[in-house]
Amino acid sequence: MESPAPLLDAAFFATIAAIVLLLLLSAFFSGSETALTAASRGKLRARADRGDRGAERALEITEDNERLIGSVLLGNNMVNILAASLATALFTRAFGESGVALATLVMTLLVLIFAEVLPKTYAITNAETAAARVSPVIRLVILVVSPVVSAVRALVRLLLAAFGVRTDPDSHILAVREEIAGALQLGHSEGLVEKEDRDRILGALDLGERTVEEIMLHRSQIEMIDADLPPEEILSRALDSTHTRLPLFRGDPENIVGVIHAKDLLRAMDRLLRGPDASAEKLKEFRALDVARKPYFVPETTTLDDQMREFLRRHSHFALVVDEYGALRGLITLEDILEEIVGEITDEFDLDAEHPLRQTEDGAVLVDGAMTIRDLNRAMDWALPDEEANTIAGLVIHEAQSIPTQGQVFSFHGFRFEVLQRQANRITRLKIRPL
């Protein structure tokens, strides 16, 4: 009768060594998957621009996330299944039939602790560094298992198509702008990003999605000068205005024939009063249109981003806004667009102007009806909808489906709106309190 083979022989130790090696490989695959999927592509791009070859390879790998995840999961599952099989054989040899249950328990703990939690915790803590380090090996793994992964991908798409699910590997699950906006909101909620910094960056990101119509000065508030007025009257009105650029009209305020700059007007007047050919007769013959600049008209649907670029290209700061029929709607300046990024800009002529928003001691807010919903949301950190109206007064009128009278109170969107003042058909003052 042959004697049983000794338990602690070379095969026993070789099996243990193989299991340890497979657990290390499993840890590598798990950590690599977490690092490459959690790493910020923006940070990897910054590292690559500084000459980090690993970060550059990591960027190339993550271009096709489906292939990356498929390759890593294939390698991870192969080593995990092989390690479990070797452990089952080892424990069965040592403990008989009860070794199967024991091998399952031991391998579950080992895989969970050393091949999943530990490497993934490290990888998510140092995502960009880990991604750069593992990228050469993972790149090689992807090349080796690429045929198998391609076959698996084709099979998966067929199965999903059978259930009516269409996959687009080239589509981005999350747009870059939404990712940046979400990171800023999260950082602000956690106290890592100041409100002013968040508002500036979000304001710059929003320029491409907002139109001139949303922030323009309405035509009812535009200061204009009749081009046929006497020169002295034109000069007086220009000096009395707080603006340096004023539209000139002839006959009808809709008929804008030019835009006069205060400096151009003063230079022309100075030449007529103190120049070599100065005379009272020439001053009386002065025509404002001679020094006025050609008006620049833009459609109301132009995005703020496009309009800012056009201002910079034309070396201009002032444009008149018209609708699809060519009728005057308002005006917009480069300063108006910049205010959407940096907030309200005031100078020595604006200091005495009444602020459109004032908080009361009881927690309510007094708001100018012409204040835009976006500006109010930005100032108070609220979330009033601005899809149906641009101004606070417009929002109240839209919700009330009528023009409210003074003293009326409405409650919607979680706020209480009280109409304090009304002039003609315009709501000029509101009192708003969160419910």
Protein backbone atom coordinates (compact mmCIF):
# COMPACT_ATOMS: atom_id res chain seq x y z
CA MET A 1 0.00 0.00 0.00
CA GLU A 2 1.39 3.35 -1.08
CA SER A 3 1.85 5.98 1.62
CA PRO A 4 -0.14 9.20 1.13
CA ALA A 5 1.76 12.14 -0.34
CA PRO A 6 2.99 14.59 2.28
CA LEU A 7 0.81 17.70 2.65
CA LEU A 8 3.63 20.23 2.86
CA ASP A 9 5.39 19.32 -0.35
CA ALA A 10 6.70 21.51 -3.18
CA ALA A 11 3.27 21.60 -4.90
CA PHE A 12 1.68 22.99 -1.71
CA PHE A 13 4.09 25.92 -1.50
CA ALA A 14 3.94 26.50 -5.27
CA THR A 15 0.15 26.75 -5.06
CA ILE A 16 0.33 29.25 -2.20
CA ALA A 17 2.89 31.32 -4.12
CA ALA A 18 0.60 31.25 -7.18
CA ILE A 19 -2.38 32.39 -5.11
CA VAL A 20 -0.37 35.28 -3.64
CA LEU A 21 0.80 36.31 -7.10
CA LEU A 22 -2.75 36.17 -8.44
CA LEU A 23 -4.00 38.30 -5.52
CA LEU A 24 -1.32 40.88 -6.34
CA LEU A 25 -2.43 40.89 -9.97
CA SER A 26 -6.05 41.25 -8.86
CA ALA A 27 -5.07 44.21 -6.67
CA PHE A 28 -3.24 45.76 -9.63
CA PHE A 29 -6.23 45.41 -11.95
CA SER A 30 -8.70 46.72 -9.33
CA GLY A 31 -6.52 49.70 -8.46
CA SER A 32 -5.85 50.47 -12.13
CA GLU A 33 -9.54 50.45 -12.98
CA THR A 34 -10.32 52.88 -10.16
CA ALA A 35 -7.34 55.15 -10.90
CA LEU A 36 -7.99 55.42 -14.63
CA THR A 37 -11.73 56.03 -14.26
CA ALA A 38 -11.46 58.41 -11.30
CA ALA A 39 -8.51 60.45 -12.60
CA SER A 40 -9.41 63.93 -13.82
CA ARG A 41 -8.65 64.31 -17.52
CA GLY A 42 -7.96 67.98 -16.90
CA LYS A 43 -5.26 67.19 -14.33
CA LEU A 44 -3.81 64.47 -16.54
CA ARG A 45 -3.65 66.94 -19.42
CA ALA A 46 -1.81 69.43 -17.20
CA ARG A 47 0.71 66.76 -16.18
CA ALA A 48 1.13 65.65 -19.79
CA ASP A 49 1.80 69.26 -20.85
CA ARG A 50 4.59 69.34 -18.27
CA GLY A 51 6.23 66.33 -19.93
CA ASP A 52 4.76 63.42 -17.91
CA ARG A 53 4.73 60.48 -20.35
CA GLY A 54 2.65 58.32 -18.00
CA ALA A 55 -0.10 60.94 -17.85
CA GLU A 56 -0.04 61.22 -21.65
CA ARG A 57 -0.46 57.43 -21.99
CA ALA A 58 -3.26 57.50 -19.40
CA LEU A 59 -5.08 60.10 -21.52
CA GLU A 60 -4.77 57.89 -24.59
CA ILE A 61 -6.08 54.85 -22.69
CA THR A 62 -9.10 56.67 -21.28
CA GLU A 63 -10.18 57.91 -24.72
CA ASP A 64 -12.08 54.61 -25.10
CA ASN A 65 -13.51 53.85 -21.66
CA GLU A 66 -15.49 50.86 -22.91
CA ARG A 67 -12.39 49.09 -24.19
CA LEU A 68 -10.40 50.05 -21.07
CA ILE A 69 -12.98 48.72 -18.62
CA GLY A 70 -13.54 45.59 -20.68
CA SER A 71 -9.83 44.76 -20.74
CA VAL A 72 -9.28 45.43 -17.03
CA LEU A 73 -12.36 43.47 -15.99
CA LEU A 74 -11.31 40.55 -18.18
CA GLY A 75 -7.89 40.41 -16.54
CA ASN A 76 -9.31 40.91 -13.06
CA ASN A 77 -11.91 38.17 -13.40
CA MET A 78 -9.40 35.74 -14.86
CA VAL A 79 -6.95 36.08 -11.97
CA ASN A 80 -9.73 36.07 -9.33
CA ILE A 81 -11.32 32.88 -10.71
CA LEU A 82 -7.93 31.17 -11.07
CA ALA A 83 -6.95 32.14 -7.51
CA ALA A 84 -10.28 30.82 -6.16
CA SER A 85 -9.82 27.54 -8.08
CA LEU A 86 -6.29 27.01 -6.74
CA ALA A 87 -7.42 27.83 -3.21
CA THR A 88 -10.30 25.35 -3.49
CA ALA A 89 -7.95 22.59 -4.65
CA LEU A 90 -5.47 23.40 -1.88
CA PHE A 91 -8.06 23.44 0.93
CA THR A 92 -9.80 20.32 -0.42
CA ARG A 93 -6.50 18.47 -0.31
CA ALA A 94 -5.88 19.64 3.25
CA PHE A 95 -9.38 19.42 4.78
CA GLY A 96 -11.39 17.22 2.46
CA GLU A 97 -14.90 18.17 1.32
CA SER A 98 -15.20 20.90 3.99
CA GLY A 99 -12.29 22.65 2.30
CA VAL A 100 -14.62 24.08 -0.37
CA ALA A 101 -16.54 26.21 2.13
CA LEU A 102 -13.36 27.15 3.93
CA ALA A 103 -11.66 28.18 0.67
CA THR A 104 -14.66 30.34 -0.26
CA LEU A 105 -14.56 32.14 3.10
CA VAL A 106 -10.81 32.70 3.11
CA MET A 107 -10.58 33.84 -0.51
CA THR A 108 -13.55 36.19 -0.09
CA LEU A 109 -11.79 37.93 2.80
CA LEU A 110 -8.42 38.04 1.02
CA VAL A 111 -9.88 39.35 -2.24
CA LEU A 112 -12.09 41.90 -0.45
CA ILE A 113 -9.33 43.32 1.73
CA PHE A 114 -6.14 43.01 -0.33
CA ALA A 115 -7.44 42.92 -3.90
CA GLU A 116 -10.38 45.35 -3.74
CA VAL A 117 -10.64 47.77 -0.80
CA LEU A 118 -6.93 48.40 -0.22
CA PRO A 119 -5.84 49.10 -3.84
CA LYS A 120 -9.00 51.04 -4.69
CA THR A 121 -8.64 53.22 -1.60
CA TYR A 122 -5.08 54.07 -2.60
CA ALA A 123 -6.05 54.61 -6.23
CA ILE A 124 -8.92 56.97 -5.49
CA THR A 125 -6.74 58.93 -3.07
CA ASN A 126 -3.92 59.35 -5.62
CA ALA A 127 -5.90 58.94 -8.85
CA GLU A 128 -3.72 60.92 -11.28
CA THR A 129 -0.41 59.60 -9.91
CA ALA A 130 -1.64 55.99 -9.90
CA ALA A 131 -3.11 56.34 -13.40
CA ALA A 132 0.20 57.62 -14.77
CA ARG A 133 2.12 54.75 -13.13
CA VAL A 134 -0.11 51.88 -14.29
CA SER A 135 -0.73 53.21 -17.79
CA PRO A 136 2.21 51.39 -19.50
CA VAL A 137 1.17 47.95 -18.21
CA ILE A 138 -2.55 48.53 -18.82
CA ARG A 139 -1.78 49.70 -22.33
CA LEU A 140 0.02 46.40 -22.97
CA VAL A 141 -2.88 44.42 -21.44
CA ILE A 142 -5.34 46.22 -23.71
CA LEU A 143 -3.29 45.32 -26.78
CA VAL A 144 -3.06 41.64 -25.76
CA VAL A 145 -6.72 41.07 -24.90
CA SER A 146 -8.12 43.47 -27.52
CA PRO A 147 -9.54 40.70 -29.80
CA VAL A 148 -11.41 39.07 -26.91
CA VAL A 149 -12.71 42.42 -25.64
CA SER A 150 -13.90 43.38 -29.13
CA ALA A 151 -15.85 40.14 -29.39
CA VAL A 152 -17.38 40.69 -25.96
CA ARG A 153 -18.33 44.27 -26.87
CA ALA A 154 -20.05 43.10 -30.04
CA LEU A 155 -21.98 40.46 -28.12
CA VAL A 156 -23.04 42.96 -25.44
CA ARG A 157 -24.30 45.43 -28.06
CA LEU A 158 -26.30 42.70 -29.75
CA LEU A 159 -27.90 41.74 -26.44
CA LEU A 160 -28.69 45.37 -25.60
CA ALA A 161 -30.07 45.97 -29.09
CA ALA A 162 -32.43 43.03 -28.58
CA PHE A 163 -33.95 44.99 -25.66
CA GLY A 164 -34.07 48.24 -27.63
CA VAL A 165 -31.03 49.87 -25.97
CA ARG A 166 -28.72 51.75 -28.34
CA THR A 167 -25.14 52.43 -27.30
CA ASP A 168 -22.93 55.22 -28.61
CA PRO A 169 -19.32 54.75 -27.52
CA ASP A 170 -18.35 58.16 -28.86
CA SER A 171 -20.90 60.10 -26.83
CA HIS A 172 -19.85 61.89 -23.66
CA ILE A 173 -21.92 60.93 -20.68
CA LEU A 174 -21.26 64.23 -18.95
CA ALA A 175 -20.53 67.47 -20.81
CA VAL A 176 -17.42 69.36 -19.78
CA ARG A 177 -19.41 72.46 -18.85
CA GLU A 178 -21.77 70.48 -16.63
CA GLU A 179 -18.82 68.76 -15.00
CA ILE A 180 -17.17 72.10 -14.20
CA ALA A 181 -20.44 73.62 -12.96
CA GLY A 182 -21.14 70.60 -10.77
CA ALA A 183 -17.63 70.70 -9.30
CA LEU A 184 -18.02 74.41 -8.50
CA GLN A 185 -21.41 73.92 -6.85
CA LEU A 186 -20.07 71.02 -4.81
CA GLY A 187 -16.97 72.98 -3.83
CA HIS A 188 -19.10 75.94 -2.75
CA SER A 189 -21.44 73.75 -0.69
CA GLU A 190 -18.41 72.26 1.06
CA GLY A 191 -16.89 75.67 1.73
CA LEU A 192 -13.90 75.18 -0.61
CA VAL A 193 -14.99 77.69 -3.27
CA GLU A 194 -16.07 81.24 -2.48
CA LYS A 195 -19.46 82.36 -3.81
CA GLU A 196 -17.86 85.20 -5.80
CA ASP A 197 -15.39 82.83 -7.48
CA ARG A 198 -18.17 80.38 -8.32
CA ASP A 199 -20.36 83.12 -9.78
CA ARG A 200 -17.55 84.51 -11.95
CA ILE A 201 -16.65 81.16 -13.48
CA LEU A 202 -20.27 80.11 -14.00
CA GLY A 203 -21.00 83.53 -15.51
CA ALA A 204 -18.21 83.04 -18.05
CA LEU A 205 -19.45 79.53 -18.86
CA ASP A 206 -23.01 80.78 -19.40
CA LEU A 207 -22.11 83.42 -22.02
CA GLY A 208 -22.52 80.92 -24.84
CA GLU A 209 -26.03 79.96 -23.71
CA ARG A 210 -27.49 83.40 -23.03
CA THR A 211 -28.66 85.94 -25.56
CA VAL A 212 -28.36 89.70 -25.88
CA GLU A 213 -32.11 90.05 -25.26
CA GLU A 214 -31.72 88.77 -21.70
CA ILE A 215 -29.41 91.53 -20.45
CA MET A 216 -30.00 94.47 -22.81
CA LEU A 217 -31.24 97.85 -21.57
CA HIS A 218 -34.85 98.13 -22.74
CA ARG A 219 -35.64 100.89 -25.24
CA SER A 220 -37.92 102.62 -22.71
CA GLN A 221 -34.85 103.32 -20.55
CA ILE A 222 -32.48 104.46 -23.31
CA GLU A 223 -31.32 108.09 -23.19
CA MET A 224 -31.48 109.58 -26.70
CA ILE A 225 -30.84 112.96 -28.28
CA ASP A 226 -32.78 114.48 -31.17
CA ALA A 227 -30.25 115.20 -33.90
CA ASP A 228 -32.21 118.32 -34.99
CA LEU A 229 -31.87 120.12 -31.63
CA PRO A 230 -29.73 123.28 -31.44
CA PRO A 231 -26.02 122.63 -30.75
CA GLU A 232 -26.20 124.18 -27.27
CA GLU A 233 -29.09 121.89 -26.32
CA ILE A 234 -27.27 118.81 -27.63
CA LEU A 235 -24.16 119.75 -25.63
CA SER A 236 -26.22 120.33 -22.47
CA ARG A 237 -27.97 116.97 -22.74
CA ALA A 238 -24.70 115.16 -23.37
CA LEU A 239 -23.10 116.78 -20.32
CA ASP A 240 -26.12 116.09 -18.12
CA SER A 241 -26.08 112.38 -19.03
CA THR A 242 -24.09 109.83 -17.04
CA HIS A 243 -23.24 108.00 -20.29
CA THR A 244 -20.47 108.82 -22.75
CA ARG A 245 -22.26 107.33 -25.79
CA LEU A 246 -25.78 108.44 -26.71
CA PRO A 247 -27.92 107.44 -29.72
CA LEU A 248 -29.10 110.19 -32.06
CA PHE A 249 -32.55 109.95 -33.62
CA ARG A 250 -34.37 112.03 -36.21
CA GLY A 251 -38.14 112.45 -36.15
CA ASP A 252 -39.04 109.12 -34.51
CA PRO A 253 -37.05 107.64 -31.58
CA GLU A 254 -37.10 104.36 -33.53
CA ASN A 255 -35.15 106.07 -36.33
CA ILE A 256 -31.61 105.92 -34.95
CA VAL A 257 -29.27 107.76 -37.32
CA GLY A 258 -26.04 107.76 -35.31
CA VAL A 259 -24.28 107.42 -31.98
CA ILE A 260 -22.46 110.39 -30.54
CA HIS A 261 -19.52 110.07 -28.18
CA ALA A 262 -19.10 112.80 -25.56
CA LYS A 263 -15.40 113.20 -26.40
CA ASP A 264 -16.11 113.63 -30.11
CA LEU A 265 -18.76 116.23 -29.31
CA LEU A 266 -16.50 118.17 -26.93
CA ARG A 267 -13.58 118.15 -29.39
CA ALA A 268 -15.83 119.49 -32.16
CA MET A 269 -17.28 122.18 -29.89
CA ASP A 270 -13.81 123.16 -28.70
CA ARG A 271 -12.60 123.62 -32.29
CA LEU A 272 -15.59 125.85 -33.03
CA LEU A 273 -15.09 127.94 -29.88
CA ARG A 274 -11.31 128.13 -29.59
CA GLY A 275 -9.88 126.85 -32.87
CA PRO A 276 -8.22 129.01 -35.56
CA ASP A 277 -11.51 129.24 -37.49
CA ALA A 278 -13.72 129.70 -34.41
CA SER A 279 -16.83 131.83 -34.90
CA ALA A 280 -20.33 132.07 -33.50
CA GLU A 281 -21.79 131.51 -36.96
CA LYS A 282 -20.02 128.17 -37.40
CA LEU A 283 -21.21 127.09 -33.94
CA LYS A 284 -24.81 127.74 -34.97
CA GLU A 285 -24.27 125.71 -38.15
CA PHE A 286 -22.85 122.75 -36.20
CA ARG A 287 -24.57 119.42 -36.96
CA ALA A 288 -24.27 116.59 -34.46
CA LEU A 289 -24.39 114.03 -37.25
CA ASP A 290 -21.08 115.38 -38.58
CA VAL A 291 -19.25 113.94 -35.56
CA ALA A 292 -21.61 111.03 -34.86
CA ARG A 293 -20.54 107.46 -35.51
CA LYS A 294 -22.45 104.98 -37.57
CA PRO A 295 -24.91 102.99 -35.41
CA TYR A 296 -24.11 99.33 -34.92
CA PHE A 297 -27.18 97.06 -34.85
CA VAL A 298 -27.26 93.47 -33.61
CA PRO A 299 -30.12 90.92 -33.52
CA GLU A 300 -31.63 90.14 -30.15
CA THR A 301 -30.89 86.42 -30.54
CA THR A 302 -27.09 86.89 -30.62
CA THR A 303 -25.35 85.00 -27.82
CA LEU A 304 -23.35 86.99 -25.30
CA ASP A 305 -20.21 85.05 -26.16
CA ASP A 306 -20.51 85.91 -29.86
CA GLN A 307 -21.37 89.52 -29.10
CA MET A 308 -18.37 89.97 -26.80
CA ARG A 309 -16.07 88.58 -29.51
CA GLU A 310 -17.66 90.93 -32.03
CA PHE A 311 -17.15 93.92 -29.71
CA LEU A 312 -13.49 93.02 -29.35
CA ARG A 313 -13.07 92.51 -33.09
CA ARG A 314 -14.72 95.84 -33.99
CA HIS A 315 -13.03 97.76 -31.13
CA SER A 316 -16.51 98.89 -30.12
CA HIS A 317 -18.36 98.94 -26.81
CA PHE A 318 -21.89 99.91 -27.84
CA ALA A 319 -24.59 98.22 -29.94
CA LEU A 320 -28.30 98.76 -30.57
CA VAL A 321 -30.50 95.66 -30.39
CA VAL A 322 -33.25 95.02 -32.95
CA ASP A 323 -35.80 92.25 -33.37
CA GLU A 324 -36.51 90.15 -36.46
CA TYR A 325 -38.56 93.00 -37.97
CA GLY A 326 -35.78 95.55 -37.49
CA ALA A 327 -37.58 97.38 -34.68
CA LEU A 328 -35.48 98.79 -31.87
CA ARG A 329 -35.57 96.63 -28.74
CA GLY A 330 -32.80 98.09 -26.59
CA LEU A 331 -29.06 98.51 -26.35
CA ILE A 332 -26.15 96.52 -25.01
CA THR A 333 -22.59 97.46 -24.09
CA LEU A 334 -19.42 95.51 -23.46
CA GLU A 335 -19.74 96.49 -19.79
CA ASP A 336 -23.14 94.75 -19.61
CA ILE A 337 -21.54 91.49 -20.76
CA LEU A 338 -18.59 91.84 -18.38
CA GLU A 339 -21.03 92.40 -15.51
CA GLU A 340 -22.44 88.93 -16.17
CA ILE A 341 -19.01 87.60 -15.19
CA VAL A 342 -17.66 89.92 -12.49
CA GLY A 343 -20.91 91.33 -11.11
CA GLU A 344 -22.16 94.91 -10.99
CA ILE A 345 -19.61 97.52 -12.13
CA THR A 346 -20.11 101.03 -10.75
CA ASP A 347 -18.20 104.27 -11.20
CA GLU A 348 -18.41 107.77 -9.73
CA PHE A 349 -21.61 108.43 -11.70
CA ASP A 350 -23.36 105.29 -10.40
CA LEU A 351 -22.70 105.65 -6.68
CA ASP A 352 -25.86 107.65 -5.97
CA ALA A 353 -28.12 105.38 -7.97
CA GLU A 354 -30.65 103.37 -6.01
CA HIS A 355 -29.57 99.79 -5.66
CA PRO A 356 -32.11 97.42 -7.25
CA LEU A 357 -32.01 95.10 -4.22
CA ARG A 358 -32.23 95.82 -0.50
CA GLN A 359 -32.76 93.43 2.40
CA THR A 360 -35.04 94.35 5.27
CA GLU A 361 -34.69 93.47 8.94
CA ASP A 362 -37.53 90.94 8.78
CA GLY A 363 -35.70 88.84 6.18
CA ALA A 364 -37.58 90.06 3.11
CA VAL A 365 -35.95 91.56 0.03
CA LEU A 366 -37.05 94.76 -1.73
CA VAL A 367 -36.40 94.36 -5.44
CA ASP A 368 -36.64 96.66 -8.45
CA GLY A 369 -39.10 95.12 -10.89
CA ALA A 370 -36.64 95.55 -13.76
CA MET A 371 -33.95 93.50 -12.01
CA THR A 372 -33.19 90.32 -13.89
CA ILE A 373 -34.01 86.98 -12.32
CA ARG A 374 -30.44 85.84 -12.91
CA ASP A 375 -29.02 88.81 -10.99
CA LEU A 376 -31.39 88.16 -8.09
CA ASN A 377 -30.52 84.46 -8.01
CA ARG A 378 -26.85 85.36 -8.10
CA ALA A 379 -27.11 87.93 -5.31
CA MET A 380 -29.31 85.86 -2.99
CA ASP A 381 -28.20 82.34 -3.99
CA TRP A 382 -31.77 81.49 -4.99
CA ALA A 383 -33.03 79.33 -7.86
CA LEU A 384 -36.01 81.18 -9.35
CA PRO A 385 -36.73 79.95 -12.91
CA ASP A 386 -35.79 82.28 -15.76
CA GLU A 387 -37.10 80.27 -18.72
CA GLU A 388 -40.34 82.24 -19.18
CA ALA A 389 -39.21 85.74 -18.16
CA ASN A 390 -36.01 87.77 -17.83
CA THR A 391 -37.02 90.17 -15.03
CA ILE A 392 -38.66 89.74 -11.65
CA ALA A 393 -41.65 91.78 -12.78
CA GLY A 394 -41.95 89.60 -15.87
CA LEU A 395 -41.93 86.46 -13.72
CA VAL A 396 -44.75 87.78 -11.52
CA ILE A 397 -46.81 88.81 -14.56
CA HIS A 398 -46.24 85.41 -16.18
CA GLU A 399 -47.31 83.51 -13.07
CA ALA A 400 -50.29 85.79 -12.36
CA GLN A 401 -51.39 85.72 -16.03
CA SER A 402 -52.31 89.38 -15.62
CA ILE A 403 -50.80 92.73 -14.63
CA PRO A 404 -51.12 92.81 -10.82
CA THR A 405 -52.28 95.86 -8.91
CA GLN A 406 -50.40 97.51 -6.08
CA GLY A 407 -50.71 95.52 -2.86
CA GLN A 408 -51.46 92.15 -4.46
CA VAL A 409 -49.63 89.15 -3.02
CA PHE A 410 -48.67 85.93 -4.81
CA SER A 411 -46.96 82.73 -3.70
CA PHE A 412 -45.10 80.50 -6.15
CA HIS A 413 -41.75 78.71 -6.51
CA GLY A 414 -41.36 78.74 -2.73
CA PHE A 415 -41.49 82.55 -2.36
CA ARG A 416 -44.04 85.22 -1.43
CA PHE A 417 -44.21 88.18 -3.86
CA GLU A 418 -45.88 91.44 -2.85
CA VAL A 419 -46.37 94.24 -5.40
CA LEU A 420 -45.27 97.48 -3.68
CA GLN A 421 -45.31 99.91 -6.61
CA ARG A 422 -46.78 100.00 -10.09
CA GLN A 423 -46.44 102.69 -12.75
CA ALA A 424 -48.85 102.41 -15.67
CA ASN A 425 -48.50 98.77 -16.75
CA ARG A 426 -45.06 98.27 -15.19
CA ILE A 427 -44.32 96.69 -11.82
CA THR A 428 -41.53 98.85 -10.40
CA ARG A 429 -41.08 97.54 -6.86
CA LEU A 430 -41.58 94.14 -5.24
CA LYS A 431 -41.14 92.65 -1.80
CA ILE A 432 -40.01 89.00 -1.85
CA ARG A 433 -39.79 86.65 1.08
CA PRO A 434 -38.87 82.94 1.08
CA LEU A 435 -41.72 80.78 2.36
